[in-house]
Amino acid sequence: MNLRFSQDIQSLLQRLAEQPLTLGDILGQTSERSFSLVIALLVLPFLFPMPPGLTGPFGAACLLLSVQMLLGRRSPWLPKKIANYKFPRTFAQIILQNLCRVTRVLEKITRPRLKKIASHPLTWQLNGFCISWLTILLIAPIPFTNPIPTIGILLLAVATIESDGLLICIGYVFTALITFLFGFIGYALLLAPGLLPSYLQHF
């Protein structure tokens, strides 16, 4: 199966071999799909140790794009300073190659399904709401939890690109479960406010 997501990534890898890529380049290349593609590029590094100073800007850019989806925008916009950010070539190659690995897994479970759900205008906005909420959880100062909302965001991003209504619904369930998990963690920390500092002392 040749996913549109795969085609976009291969195209970006080819362009990266010729010149550095900016977020604006990606947004301009893939039109409406660029919402989900750029969001996937921005959150994927959260699955791995992040270079210093990138967590805030990447999270903020992801949140800005997902809020635009929530508001129903189909044409993405980023402030010029963020849009002109050039991915360091080595870092960008690592991100795109890891996305290729993720895509190979997703190709086994993703295909156009339940198109009426996937193409409904409210689905686009609901996806934006879920991704926005998961991004807020992602950048919340809770140690060792980054990969959890990241997986949910990637799931929704790829499902949106591939018009997979079933995977979108699974993404909603996953969002609810993640919310419950973070609520439980927050409640536990509220009951034992000294637990987190004492736990971090061991690292």
Foldseek 3Di string as FASTA:
>chain_A
DCAPLNVLLVVVVVVLVVDWDFLLNLLVPPQQLSLLNLLLLLQVCLVDDDDPPSLVLSLVQNLQSLVCLLVQDRRDDDPPVRRGDTDDSVRSVVSSVVVNVVVVVVVVPDAADPLVLLPDSVLSNVLSVLSNVLSVVLSPPDPPCNVLSSVLSNQSSSCNRRNHNVSSVVSVVSSVVVVVVVVVVVVVCVVPVVVVVVVVVVD
